[in-house]
C-alpha atoms as a PDB file:
ATOM      1  CA  UNK A   1       0.000   0.000   0.000  1.00  0.00           C
ATOM      2  CA  UNK A   2       2.784   2.468   0.917  1.00  0.00           C
ATOM      3  CA  UNK A   3       4.561   1.700  -2.389  1.00  0.00           C
ATOM      4  CA  UNK A   4       1.399   2.533  -4.356  1.00  0.00           C
ATOM      5  CA  UNK A   5       0.882   5.762  -2.398  1.00  0.00           C
ATOM      6  CA  UNK A   6       4.479   6.783  -3.176  1.00  0.00           C
ATOM      7  CA  UNK A   7       3.750   6.396  -6.891  1.00  0.00           C
ATOM      8  CA  UNK A   8       0.502   8.367  -6.558  1.00  0.00           C
ATOM      9  CA  UNK A   9       2.202  11.319  -4.867  1.00  0.00           C
ATOM     10  CA  UNK A  10       5.436  11.147  -6.878  1.00  0.00           C
ATOM     11  CA  UNK A  11       7.521  10.340  -3.806  1.00  0.00           C
ATOM     12  CA  UNK A  12      11.060   8.948  -3.978  1.00  0.00           C
ATOM     13  CA  UNK A  13      12.946   8.689  -0.704  1.00  0.00           C
ATOM     14  CA  UNK A  14      16.549   9.907  -0.719  1.00  0.00           C
ATOM     15  CA  UNK A  15      19.192   7.367   0.399  1.00  0.00           C
ATOM     16  CA  UNK A  16      22.562   8.832  -0.706  1.00  0.00           C
ATOM     17  CA  UNK A  17      23.766  12.067   0.923  1.00  0.00           C
ATOM     18  CA  UNK A  18      24.000  14.670  -1.875  1.00  0.00           C
ATOM     19  CA  UNK A  19      24.679  17.527   0.534  1.00  0.00           C
ATOM     20  CA  UNK A  20      28.266  16.460   1.258  1.00  0.00           C
ATOM     21  CA  UNK A  21      29.560  18.957  -1.289  1.00  0.00           C
ATOM     22  CA  UNK A  22      31.647  22.104  -0.908  1.00  0.00           C
ATOM     23  CA  UNK A  23      29.122  24.145  -2.884  1.00  0.00           C
ATOM     24  CA  UNK A  24      26.327  23.184  -0.473  1.00  0.00           C
ATOM     25  CA  UNK A  25      28.494  23.976   2.584  1.00  0.00           C
ATOM     26  CA  UNK A  26      29.310  27.406   1.148  1.00  0.00           C
ATOM     27  CA  UNK A  27      25.660  28.126   0.306  1.00  0.00           C
ATOM     28  CA  UNK A  28      24.360  26.936   3.684  1.00  0.00           C
ATOM     29  CA  UNK A  29      26.931  28.774   5.809  1.00  0.00           C
ATOM     30  CA  UNK A  30      26.322  32.028   3.903  1.00  0.00           C
ATOM     31  CA  UNK A  31      22.664  32.163   5.004  1.00  0.00           C
ATOM     32  CA  UNK A  32      22.338  34.976   7.582  1.00  0.00           C
ATOM     33  CA  UNK A  33      21.946  33.736  11.176  1.00  0.00           C
ATOM     34  CA  UNK A  34      21.753  30.154   9.903  1.00  0.00           C
ATOM     35  CA  UNK A  35      22.587  28.603  13.281  1.00  0.00           C
ATOM     36  CA  UNK A  36      19.319  29.934  14.705  1.00  0.00           C
ATOM     37  CA  UNK A  37      17.090  29.117  11.742  1.00  0.00           C
ATOM     38  CA  UNK A  38      14.414  26.429  11.989  1.00  0.00           C
ATOM     39  CA  UNK A  39      14.786  24.439   8.776  1.00  0.00           C
ATOM     40  CA  UNK A  40      11.706  23.452   6.796  1.00  0.00           C
ATOM     41  CA  UNK A  41      11.207  20.051   5.174  1.00  0.00           C
ATOM     42  CA  UNK A  42       7.965  20.512   3.207  1.00  0.00           C
ATOM     43  CA  UNK A  43       8.084  17.107   1.455  1.00  0.00           C
ATOM     44  CA  UNK A  44       9.611  15.010   4.221  1.00  0.00           C
ATOM     45  CA  UNK A  45       8.872  11.444   3.103  1.00  0.00           C
ATOM     46  CA  UNK A  46      10.703   9.357   5.691  1.00  0.00           C
ATOM     47  CA  UNK A  47      12.754  12.340   6.980  1.00  0.00           C
ATOM     48  CA  UNK A  48      15.989  11.164   5.366  1.00  0.00           C
ATOM     49  CA  UNK A  49      17.088  14.697   4.561  1.00  0.00           C
ATOM     50  CA  UNK A  50      16.945  15.872   8.178  1.00  0.00           C
ATOM     51  CA  UNK A  51      19.278  13.023   9.100  1.00  0.00           C
ATOM     52  CA  UNK A  52      21.632  13.772   6.204  1.00  0.00           C
ATOM     53  CA  UNK A  53      22.011  17.410   7.259  1.00  0.00           C
ATOM     54  CA  UNK A  54      22.583  16.317  10.856  1.00  0.00           C
ATOM     55  CA  UNK A  55      25.247  13.869   9.663  1.00  0.00           C
ATOM     56  CA  UNK A  56      27.144  16.838   8.228  1.00  0.00           C
ATOM     57  CA  UNK A  57      27.310  18.422  11.688  1.00  0.00           C
ATOM     58  CA  UNK A  58      24.493  20.985  11.307  1.00  0.00           C
ATOM     59  CA  UNK A  59      22.250  20.788  14.369  1.00  0.00           C
ATOM     60  CA  UNK A  60      19.360  23.115  13.485  1.00  0.00           C
ATOM     61  CA  UNK A  61      15.809  22.467  14.585  1.00  0.00           C
ATOM     62  CA  UNK A  62      13.415  21.219  11.889  1.00  0.00           C
ATOM     63  CA  UNK A  63       9.746  21.483  11.014  1.00  0.00           C
ATOM     64  CA  UNK A  64       8.621  18.610   8.778  1.00  0.00           C
ATOM     65  CA  UNK A  65       5.508  18.019   6.674  1.00  0.00           C
ATOM     66  CA  UNK A  66       4.301  15.520   4.087  1.00  0.00           C
ATOM     67  CA  UNK A  67       1.031  14.764   2.310  1.00  0.00           C
ATOM     68  CA  UNK A  68       1.567  11.083   3.078  1.00  0.00           C
ATOM     69  CA  UNK A  69       4.034  10.671   5.987  1.00  0.00           C
ATOM     70  CA  UNK A  70       6.036   7.450   5.857  1.00  0.00           C
ATOM     71  CA  UNK A  71       5.507   4.920   8.621  1.00  0.00           C
ATOM     72  CA  UNK A  72       9.283   4.971   9.029  1.00  0.00           C
ATOM     73  CA  UNK A  73      10.711   8.260  10.332  1.00  0.00           C
ATOM     74  CA  UNK A  74      14.526   8.333   9.986  1.00  0.00           C
ATOM     75  CA  UNK A  75      14.733  11.356  12.308  1.00  0.00           C
ATOM     76  CA  UNK A  76      12.113  10.524  14.942  1.00  0.00           C
ATOM     77  CA  UNK A  77      12.894  13.562  17.121  1.00  0.00           C
ATOM     78  CA  UNK A  78      11.090  15.605  14.458  1.00  0.00           C
ATOM     79  CA  UNK A  79       7.499  14.572  13.908  1.00  0.00           C
ATOM     80  CA  UNK A  80       6.249  14.590  10.300  1.00  0.00           C
ATOM     81  CA  UNK A  81       2.960  16.479  10.224  1.00  0.00           C
ATOM     82  CA  UNK A  82       0.425  15.473   7.576  1.00  0.00           C
ATOM     83  CA  UNK A  83      -0.210  18.349   5.179  1.00  0.00           C
ATOM     84  CA  UNK A  84      -0.582  19.004   1.454  1.00  0.00           C
ATOM     85  CA  UNK A  85       2.249  21.533   1.317  1.00  0.00           C
ATOM     86  CA  UNK A  86       1.686  22.448  -2.329  1.00  0.00           C
ATOM     87  CA  UNK A  87      -1.886  23.552  -1.604  1.00  0.00           C
ATOM     88  CA  UNK A  88      -1.145  24.800   1.937  1.00  0.00           C
ATOM     89  CA  UNK A  89       2.505  25.773   2.184  1.00  0.00           C
ATOM     90  CA  UNK A  90       3.909  26.449   5.701  1.00  0.00           C
ATOM     91  CA  UNK A  91       4.664  30.130   6.227  1.00  0.00           C
ATOM     92  CA  UNK A  92       7.331  31.865   8.286  1.00  0.00           C
ATOM     93  CA  UNK A  93      10.421  29.804   7.332  1.00  0.00           C
ATOM     94  CA  UNK A  94      13.507  31.207   5.611  1.00  0.00           C
ATOM     95  CA  UNK A  95      15.227  27.939   4.626  1.00  0.00           C
ATOM     96  CA  UNK A  96      13.777  24.822   2.983  1.00  0.00           C
ATOM     97  CA  UNK A  97      15.816  21.706   2.207  1.00  0.00           C
ATOM     98  CA  UNK A  98      13.898  18.966   0.467  1.00  0.00           C
ATOM     99  CA  UNK A  99      13.325  16.358  -2.204  1.00  0.00           C
ATOM    100  CA  UNK A 100      10.001  17.474  -3.750  1.00  0.00           C
ATOM    101  CA  UNK A 101       7.671  15.029  -5.517  1.00  0.00           C
ATOM    102  CA  UNK A 102       8.289  14.169  -9.178  1.00  0.00           C
ATOM    103  CA  UNK A 103       5.278  13.266 -11.283  1.00  0.00           C
ATOM    104  CA  UNK A 104       5.014  14.003 -14.997  1.00  0.00           C
ATOM    105  CA  UNK A 105       1.597  15.170 -16.145  1.00  0.00           C
ATOM    106  CA  UNK A 106       1.470  12.720 -19.064  1.00  0.00           C
ATOM    107  CA  UNK A 107       2.417   9.845 -16.748  1.00  0.00           C
ATOM    108  CA  UNK A 108      -0.304  10.835 -14.276  1.00  0.00           C
ATOM    109  CA  UNK A 109      -2.866  11.016 -17.085  1.00  0.00           C
ATOM    110  CA  UNK A 110      -1.938   7.576 -18.428  1.00  0.00           C
ATOM    111  CA  UNK A 111      -2.215   5.952 -15.004  1.00  0.00           C
ATOM    112  CA  UNK A 112      -5.375   7.787 -13.916  1.00  0.00           C
ATOM    113  CA  UNK A 113      -3.702   9.794 -11.138  1.00  0.00           C
ATOM    114  CA  UNK A 114      -4.938  13.218 -10.104  1.00  0.00           C
ATOM    115  CA  UNK A 115      -2.703  16.051 -11.343  1.00  0.00           C
ATOM    116  CA  UNK A 116      -3.050  19.684 -10.166  1.00  0.00           C
ATOM    117  CA  UNK A 117      -4.365  22.387 -12.486  1.00  0.00           C
ATOM    118  CA  UNK A 118      -1.045  24.024 -13.384  1.00  0.00           C
ATOM    119  CA  UNK A 119       0.927  25.302 -16.373  1.00  0.00           C
ATOM    120  CA  UNK A 120       3.768  22.944 -15.489  1.00  0.00           C
ATOM    121  CA  UNK A 121       4.285  19.492 -16.987  1.00  0.00           C
ATOM    122  CA  UNK A 122       5.740  17.985 -13.806  1.00  0.00           C
ATOM    123  CA  UNK A 123       4.745  18.242 -10.161  1.00  0.00           C
ATOM    124  CA  UNK A 124       8.280  19.115  -9.015  1.00  0.00           C
ATOM    125  CA  UNK A 125       8.117  22.387 -10.997  1.00  0.00           C
ATOM    126  CA  UNK A 126       4.935  23.426  -9.217  1.00  0.00           C
ATOM    127  CA  UNK A 127       6.537  22.483  -5.886  1.00  0.00           C
ATOM    128  CA  UNK A 128       9.555  24.654  -6.737  1.00  0.00           C
ATOM    129  CA  UNK A 129       7.327  27.595  -7.633  1.00  0.00           C
ATOM    130  CA  UNK A 130       5.473  27.353  -4.319  1.00  0.00           C
ATOM    131  CA  UNK A 131       8.701  27.064  -2.318  1.00  0.00           C
ATOM    132  CA  UNK A 132      10.400  29.975  -4.068  1.00  0.00           C
ATOM    133  CA  UNK A 133       7.347  32.213  -3.531  1.00  0.00           C
ATOM    134  CA  UNK A 134       7.395  31.546   0.196  1.00  0.00           C
ATOM    135  CA  UNK A 135      10.992  30.739   1.182  1.00  0.00           C
ATOM    136  CA  UNK A 136      14.169  32.809   0.760  1.00  0.00           C
ATOM    137  CA  UNK A 137      16.647  29.926   0.581  1.00  0.00           C
ATOM    138  CA  UNK A 138      15.796  26.600  -1.056  1.00  0.00           C
ATOM    139  CA  UNK A 139      17.913  23.487  -1.610  1.00  0.00           C
ATOM    140  CA  UNK A 140      16.050  20.915  -3.692  1.00  0.00           C
ATOM    141  CA  UNK A 141      16.909  17.522  -5.155  1.00  0.00           C
ATOM    142  CA  UNK A 142      15.082  17.563  -8.485  1.00  0.00           C
ATOM    143  CA  UNK A 143      15.250  15.806 -11.884  1.00  0.00           C
ATOM    144  CA  UNK A 144      18.451  16.614 -13.750  1.00  0.00           C
ATOM    145  CA  UNK A 145      16.337  17.569 -16.766  1.00  0.00           C
ATOM    146  CA  UNK A 146      15.673  20.824 -14.863  1.00  0.00           C
ATOM    147  CA  UNK A 147      18.902  22.107 -16.451  1.00  0.00           C
ATOM    148  CA  UNK A 148      17.163  22.322 -19.824  1.00  0.00           C
ATOM    149  CA  UNK A 149      13.769  23.506 -18.476  1.00  0.00           C
ATOM    150  CA  UNK A 150      14.822  27.194 -18.492  1.00  0.00           C
ATOM    151  CA  UNK A 151      12.786  28.175 -15.415  1.00  0.00           C
ATOM    152  CA  UNK A 152      13.582  29.834 -12.054  1.00  0.00           C
ATOM    153  CA  UNK A 153      17.054  30.915 -13.206  1.00  0.00           C
ATOM    154  CA  UNK A 154      16.634  34.323 -11.550  1.00  0.00           C
ATOM    155  CA  UNK A 155      17.047  32.737  -8.093  1.00  0.00           C
ATOM    156  CA  UNK A 156      19.386  29.883  -8.985  1.00  0.00           C
ATOM    157  CA  UNK A 157      22.841  30.104  -7.385  1.00  0.00           C
ATOM    158  CA  UNK A 158      24.411  26.684  -7.994  1.00  0.00           C
ATOM    159  CA  UNK A 159      23.330  23.503  -9.762  1.00  0.00           C
ATOM    160  CA  UNK A 160      25.042  20.163  -9.053  1.00  0.00           C
ATOM    161  CA  UNK A 161      24.433  17.194 -11.344  1.00  0.00           C
ATOM    162  CA  UNK A 162      24.479  14.195  -9.001  1.00  0.00           C
ATOM    163  CA  UNK A 163      26.069  11.368 -10.951  1.00  0.00           C
ATOM    164  CA  UNK A 164      25.457   8.765  -8.271  1.00  0.00           C
ATOM    165  CA  UNK A 165      22.507   6.514  -7.428  1.00  0.00           C
ATOM    166  CA  UNK A 166      20.246   8.603  -5.244  1.00  0.00           C
ATOM    167  CA  UNK A 167      17.190   6.403  -4.674  1.00  0.00           C
ATOM    168  CA  UNK A 168      16.469   2.736  -4.024  1.00  0.00           C
ATOM    169  CA  UNK A 169      13.135   2.846  -5.863  1.00  0.00           C
ATOM    170  CA  UNK A 170      13.950   4.738  -9.093  1.00  0.00           C
ATOM    171  CA  UNK A 171      16.894   5.452 -11.395  1.00  0.00           C
ATOM    172  CA  UNK A 172      15.681   8.992 -12.143  1.00  0.00           C
ATOM    173  CA  UNK A 173      18.723  11.231 -12.874  1.00  0.00           C
ATOM    174  CA  UNK A 174      18.786  14.110 -10.401  1.00  0.00           C
ATOM    175  CA  UNK A 175      20.576  17.308  -9.477  1.00  0.00           C
ATOM    176  CA  UNK A 176      20.839  19.492  -6.386  1.00  0.00           C
ATOM    177  CA  UNK A 177      19.635  23.038  -7.054  1.00  0.00           C
ATOM    178  CA  UNK A 178      20.539  25.813  -4.593  1.00  0.00           C
ATOM    179  CA  UNK A 179      18.403  28.960  -4.678  1.00  0.00           C
ATOM    180  CA  UNK A 180      18.916  32.287  -2.894  1.00  0.00           C
ATOM    181  CA  UNK A 181      17.205  35.709  -2.894  1.00  0.00           C
ATOM    182  CA  UNK A 182      18.113  37.766  -5.954  1.00  0.00           C
ATOM    183  CA  UNK A 183      19.903  40.388  -3.861  1.00  0.00           C
ATOM    184  CA  UNK A 184      22.219  37.708  -2.409  1.00  0.00           C
ATOM    185  CA  UNK A 185      23.425  36.459  -5.779  1.00  0.00           C
ATOM    186  CA  UNK A 186      26.788  37.724  -6.959  1.00  0.00           C
ATOM    187  CA  UNK A 187      26.047  36.928 -10.588  1.00  0.00           C
ATOM    188  CA  UNK A 188      23.512  37.854 -13.237  1.00  0.00           C
ATOM    189  CA  UNK A 189      20.577  35.715 -14.353  1.00  0.00           C
ATOM    190  CA  UNK A 190      21.656  32.579 -16.251  1.00  0.00           C
ATOM    191  CA  UNK A 191      25.205  32.835 -14.918  1.00  0.00           C
ATOM    192  CA  UNK A 192      24.847  30.304 -12.123  1.00  0.00           C
ATOM    193  CA  UNK A 193      27.600  27.735 -11.588  1.00  0.00           C
ATOM    194  CA  UNK A 194      27.189  24.128 -12.724  1.00  0.00           C
ATOM    195  CA  UNK A 195      28.972  21.133 -11.207  1.00  0.00           C
ATOM    196  CA  UNK A 196      28.979  17.526 -12.333  1.00  0.00           C
ATOM    197  CA  UNK A 197      29.350  15.809  -8.984  1.00  0.00           C
ATOM    198  CA  UNK A 198      32.501  17.478  -7.572  1.00  0.00           C
ATOM    199  CA  UNK A 199      33.794  18.853 -10.877  1.00  0.00           C
ATOM    200  CA  UNK A 200      33.066  22.523 -11.525  1.00  0.00           C
ATOM    201  CA  UNK A 201      32.393  22.745 -15.275  1.00  0.00           C
ATOM    202  CA  UNK A 202      31.601  26.466 -15.564  1.00  0.00           C
ATOM    203  CA  UNK A 203      28.722  28.914 -15.686  1.00  0.00           C
ATOM    204  CA  UNK A 204      25.493  28.249 -17.546  1.00  0.00           C
ATOM    205  CA  UNK A 205      26.023  31.171 -19.951  1.00  0.00           C
ATOM    206  CA  UNK A 206      29.547  30.098 -20.847  1.00  0.00           C
ATOM    207  CA  UNK A 207      28.486  26.509 -21.519  1.00  0.00           C
ATOM    208  CA  UNK A 208      25.432  27.704 -23.452  1.00  0.00           C
ATOM    209  CA  UNK A 209      27.708  29.702 -25.765  1.00  0.00           C
ATOM    210  CA  UNK A 210      29.242  26.407 -26.940  1.00  0.00           C
ATOM    211  CA  UNK A 211      25.975  25.110 -28.397  1.00  0.00           C
ATOM    212  CA  UNK A 212      25.884  24.875 -32.206  1.00  0.00           C
ATOM    213  CA  UNK A 213      23.919  27.682 -33.846  1.00  0.00           C
ATOM    214  CA  UNK A 214      21.593  26.918 -36.733  1.00  0.00           C
ATOM    215  CA  UNK A 215      23.153  28.368 -39.889  1.00  0.00           C
ATOM    216  CA  UNK A 216      20.618  27.065 -42.400  1.00  0.00           C
ATOM    217  CA  UNK A 217      16.982  26.016 -42.524  1.00  0.00           C
ATOM    218  CA  UNK A 218      16.609  22.720 -44.322  1.00  0.00           C
ATOM    219  CA  UNK A 219      13.356  20.838 -44.741  1.00  0.00           C
ATOM    220  CA  UNK A 220      14.026  17.697 -42.700  1.00  0.00           C
ATOM    221  CA  UNK A 221      11.386  15.016 -42.247  1.00  0.00           C
ATOM    222  CA  UNK A 222      11.825  12.915 -39.083  1.00  0.00           C
ATOM    223  CA  UNK A 223      10.413   9.396 -38.628  1.00  0.00           C
ATOM    224  CA  UNK A 224      10.436   8.830 -42.381  1.00  0.00           C
ATOM    225  CA  UNK A 225      10.707   5.053 -42.760  1.00  0.00           C
ATOM    226  CA  UNK A 226      12.533   5.525 -46.041  1.00  0.00           C
ATOM    227  CA  UNK A 227      14.845   8.292 -44.819  1.00  0.00           C
ATOM    228  CA  UNK A 228      18.479   7.834 -45.822  1.00  0.00           C
ATOM    229  CA  UNK A 229      19.780   9.439 -42.605  1.00  0.00           C
ATOM    230  CA  UNK A 230      19.608   7.434 -39.376  1.00  0.00           C
ATOM    231  CA  UNK A 231      19.949   8.725 -35.809  1.00  0.00           C
ATOM    232  CA  UNK A 232      20.447   6.649 -32.667  1.00  0.00           C
ATOM    233  CA  UNK A 233      19.125   9.213 -30.208  1.00  0.00           C
ATOM    234  CA  UNK A 234      19.839   7.605 -26.818  1.00  0.00           C
ATOM    235  CA  UNK A 235      23.090   6.470 -25.192  1.00  0.00           C
ATOM    236  CA  UNK A 236      23.500   2.803 -24.380  1.00  0.00           C
ATOM    237  CA  UNK A 237      24.382   1.591 -20.897  1.00  0.00           C
ATOM    238  CA  UNK A 238      28.138   1.358 -21.480  1.00  0.00           C
ATOM    239  CA  UNK A 239      29.307   4.551 -23.204  1.00  0.00           C
ATOM    240  CA  UNK A 240      28.137   7.647 -25.122  1.00  0.00           C
ATOM    241  CA  UNK A 241      26.652   6.064 -28.241  1.00  0.00           C
ATOM    242  CA  UNK A 242      24.296   8.666 -29.728  1.00  0.00           C
ATOM    243  CA  UNK A 243      25.218   8.920 -33.396  1.00  0.00           C
ATOM    244  CA  UNK A 244      24.183   9.652 -36.952  1.00  0.00           C
ATOM    245  CA  UNK A 245      24.362   6.728 -39.368  1.00  0.00           C
ATOM    246  CA  UNK A 246      23.081   5.534 -42.734  1.00  0.00           C
ATOM    247  CA  UNK A 247      19.316   5.199 -42.692  1.00  0.00           C
ATOM    248  CA  UNK A 248      19.475   1.580 -43.862  1.00  0.00           C
ATOM    249  CA  UNK A 249      21.264   0.671 -40.598  1.00  0.00           C
ATOM    250  CA  UNK A 250      18.011   1.264 -38.702  1.00  0.00           C
ATOM    251  CA  UNK A 251      15.145  -1.165 -39.218  1.00  0.00           C
ATOM    252  CA  UNK A 252      12.189   0.846 -40.513  1.00  0.00           C
ATOM    253  CA  UNK A 253       9.872  -1.332 -38.406  1.00  0.00           C
ATOM    254  CA  UNK A 254      11.424   0.214 -35.281  1.00  0.00           C
ATOM    255  CA  UNK A 255      10.499   3.755 -36.304  1.00  0.00           C
ATOM    256  CA  UNK A 256       7.591   4.879 -34.119  1.00  0.00           C
ATOM    257  CA  UNK A 257       6.083   8.311 -33.602  1.00  0.00           C
ATOM    258  CA  UNK A 258       5.665   7.470 -29.903  1.00  0.00           C
ATOM    259  CA  UNK A 259       9.388   6.678 -29.490  1.00  0.00           C
ATOM    260  CA  UNK A 260      12.329   9.049 -29.815  1.00  0.00           C
ATOM    261  CA  UNK A 261      15.129   6.491 -29.429  1.00  0.00           C
ATOM    262  CA  UNK A 262      15.603   5.716 -33.143  1.00  0.00           C
ATOM    263  CA  UNK A 263      14.631   7.646 -36.220  1.00  0.00           C
ATOM    264  CA  UNK A 264      15.222   7.919 -39.930  1.00  0.00           C
ATOM    265  CA  UNK A 265      15.278  11.331 -41.584  1.00  0.00           C
ATOM    266  CA  UNK A 266      14.864  12.535 -45.161  1.00  0.00           C
ATOM    267  CA  UNK A 267      15.472  15.947 -46.690  1.00  0.00           C
ATOM    268  CA  UNK A 268      19.203  15.943 -47.425  1.00  0.00           C
ATOM    269  CA  UNK A 269      19.908  18.495 -50.192  1.00  0.00           C
ATOM    270  CA  UNK A 270      20.743  16.780 -53.481  1.00  0.00           C
ATOM    271  CA  UNK A 271      24.131  18.476 -53.750  1.00  0.00           C
ATOM    272  CA  UNK A 272      25.322  17.032 -50.398  1.00  0.00           C
ATOM    273  CA  UNK A 273      27.014  13.616 -50.377  1.00  0.00           C
ATOM    274  CA  UNK A 274      25.476  11.328 -47.738  1.00  0.00           C
ATOM    275  CA  UNK A 275      28.655   9.793 -46.315  1.00  0.00           C
ATOM    276  CA  UNK A 276      30.353  13.161 -45.930  1.00  0.00           C
ATOM    277  CA  UNK A 277      27.204  14.565 -44.311  1.00  0.00           C
ATOM    278  CA  UNK A 278      26.952  11.775 -41.716  1.00  0.00           C
ATOM    279  CA  UNK A 279      30.631  12.136 -40.843  1.00  0.00           C
ATOM    280  CA  UNK A 280      30.231  15.899 -40.424  1.00  0.00           C
ATOM    281  CA  UNK A 281      27.123  15.457 -38.222  1.00  0.00           C
ATOM    282  CA  UNK A 282      29.025  13.096 -35.922  1.00  0.00           C
ATOM    283  CA  UNK A 283      31.983  15.476 -35.742  1.00  0.00           C
ATOM    284  CA  UNK A 284      29.670  18.327 -34.707  1.00  0.00           C
ATOM    285  CA  UNK A 285      27.808  16.099 -32.228  1.00  0.00           C
ATOM    286  CA  UNK A 286      31.005  14.823 -30.580  1.00  0.00           C
ATOM    287  CA  UNK A 287      32.470  18.321 -30.273  1.00  0.00           C
ATOM    288  CA  UNK A 288      29.151  19.574 -28.883  1.00  0.00           C
ATOM    289  CA  UNK A 289      29.146  16.856 -26.215  1.00  0.00           C
ATOM    290  CA  UNK A 290      32.728  17.587 -25.187  1.00  0.00           C
ATOM    291  CA  UNK A 291      32.388  21.381 -25.162  1.00  0.00           C
ATOM    292  CA  UNK A 292      29.109  21.436 -23.196  1.00  0.00           C
ATOM    293  CA  UNK A 293      29.758  18.435 -20.932  1.00  0.00           C
ATOM    294  CA  UNK A 294      26.395  17.052 -22.145  1.00  0.00           C
ATOM    295  CA  UNK A 295      24.594  19.731 -20.119  1.00  0.00           C
ATOM    296  CA  UNK A 296      21.982  20.356 -22.821  1.00  0.00           C
ATOM    297  CA  UNK A 297      21.332  16.720 -23.690  1.00  0.00           C
ATOM    298  CA  UNK A 298      18.554  15.542 -21.395  1.00  0.00           C
ATOM    299  CA  UNK A 299      19.579  12.766 -19.004  1.00  0.00           C
ATOM    300  CA  UNK A 300      17.841   9.454 -19.555  1.00  0.00           C
ATOM    301  CA  UNK A 301      17.196   6.550 -17.160  1.00  0.00           C
ATOM    302  CA  UNK A 302      20.226   6.212 -14.957  1.00  0.00           C
ATOM    303  CA  UNK A 303      23.984   5.980 -15.210  1.00  0.00           C
ATOM    304  CA  UNK A 304      26.169   4.415 -17.871  1.00  0.00           C
ATOM    305  CA  UNK A 305      28.870   1.967 -16.837  1.00  0.00           C
ATOM    306  CA  UNK A 306      31.417   4.803 -17.141  1.00  0.00           C
ATOM    307  CA  UNK A 307      29.660   6.608 -14.262  1.00  0.00           C
ATOM    308  CA  UNK A 308      27.976   9.322 -16.364  1.00  0.00           C
ATOM    309  CA  UNK A 309      24.304   9.771 -17.159  1.00  0.00           C
ATOM    310  CA  UNK A 310      22.863   8.314 -20.306  1.00  0.00           C
ATOM    311  CA  UNK A 311      21.728  11.143 -22.573  1.00  0.00           C
ATOM    312  CA  UNK A 312      19.095  11.729 -25.232  1.00  0.00           C
ATOM    313  CA  UNK A 313      19.397  13.843 -28.383  1.00  0.00           C
ATOM    314  CA  UNK A 314      16.042  15.479 -29.106  1.00  0.00           C
ATOM    315  CA  UNK A 315      14.882  16.217 -32.631  1.00  0.00           C
ATOM    316  CA  UNK A 316      15.285  19.981 -32.191  1.00  0.00           C
ATOM    317  CA  UNK A 317      18.991  19.670 -31.443  1.00  0.00           C
ATOM    318  CA  UNK A 318      19.406  16.976 -34.096  1.00  0.00           C
ATOM    319  CA  UNK A 319      17.959  19.409 -36.663  1.00  0.00           C
ATOM    320  CA  UNK A 320      20.418  22.123 -35.603  1.00  0.00           C
ATOM    321  CA  UNK A 321      23.342  19.720 -35.974  1.00  0.00           C
ATOM    322  CA  UNK A 322      22.182  18.667 -39.435  1.00  0.00           C
ATOM    323  CA  UNK A 323      21.656  22.283 -40.519  1.00  0.00           C
ATOM    324  CA  UNK A 324      25.165  23.189 -39.352  1.00  0.00           C
ATOM    325  CA  UNK A 325      26.590  20.143 -41.168  1.00  0.00           C
ATOM    326  CA  UNK A 326      24.956  21.218 -44.440  1.00  0.00           C
ATOM    327  CA  UNK A 327      26.264  24.764 -43.989  1.00  0.00           C
ATOM    328  CA  UNK A 328      29.815  23.577 -43.222  1.00  0.00           C
ATOM    329  CA  UNK A 329      29.938  21.293 -46.221  1.00  0.00           C
ATOM    330  CA  UNK A 330      28.676  23.993 -48.575  1.00  0.00           C
ATOM    331  CA  UNK A 331      31.390  26.362 -47.340  1.00  0.00           C
ATOM    332  CA  UNK A 332      34.183  23.996 -48.350  1.00  0.00           C
END
């Protein structure tokens, strides 16, 4: 019963300590009068996060809430009060540290679950909005795909991609996002720092500048069973394996509108040689992945064997790469 309720409310209980990170220590210790703050856990689950913060030597008092409190409380000295904190958020707290619920709207619809009336496509985004409206400082473990969501950047201080297994009950790729009041930030919007685990890879704006820019506008047709260009859009479990290939290498029976893992594409200009085009696409793709540390390729279902997240190339970015390849070849 508890397992089914967790699915209904989008709950995943944190088991690895993501807060043992220099960026979190710096953020936490910079909060004014932090030693006297009562910390808020608005989506407490089994109260793992309270224990994790205590394990780091921070001994603040806590106030904990959850819509469906777990029967197991990992920090029993702090009672978990039952409350729908999205609909009725606790007021009067300056600092929230939490793992909000994740539930995609399309997934909820398919399984018959109730989803709030909101502009967002995932419950965690609504939870973030509510927290940021009511709390000055927020540390949240959220899906790593948040990096490409382009929301709440005006309060974002640091984002840490957590390339480690965070939950026992899901392989959802996650990150730790640290938010502060605008006046506390020492950088402009979109210039927050990004880490991949303990490696600082740069600011969002600097990494964004490395993305390929569309230099043409070709008429590509995706999911064309007879397309002569093939794309394997998702990494395998061992290594980065997204690639462009000859269309005939992909079985046309595997091309489905509902799936974005494999596709065949038509629309290559007649004056462009196919083999040269595919080679150029892969060169652009590989350079893109190196230069941007895969930040703008959405993470997909867990870690590869090399310890990095599997990634997915969406059709929008695939189109840009193909447009750039056509442009480059025509300039030769």
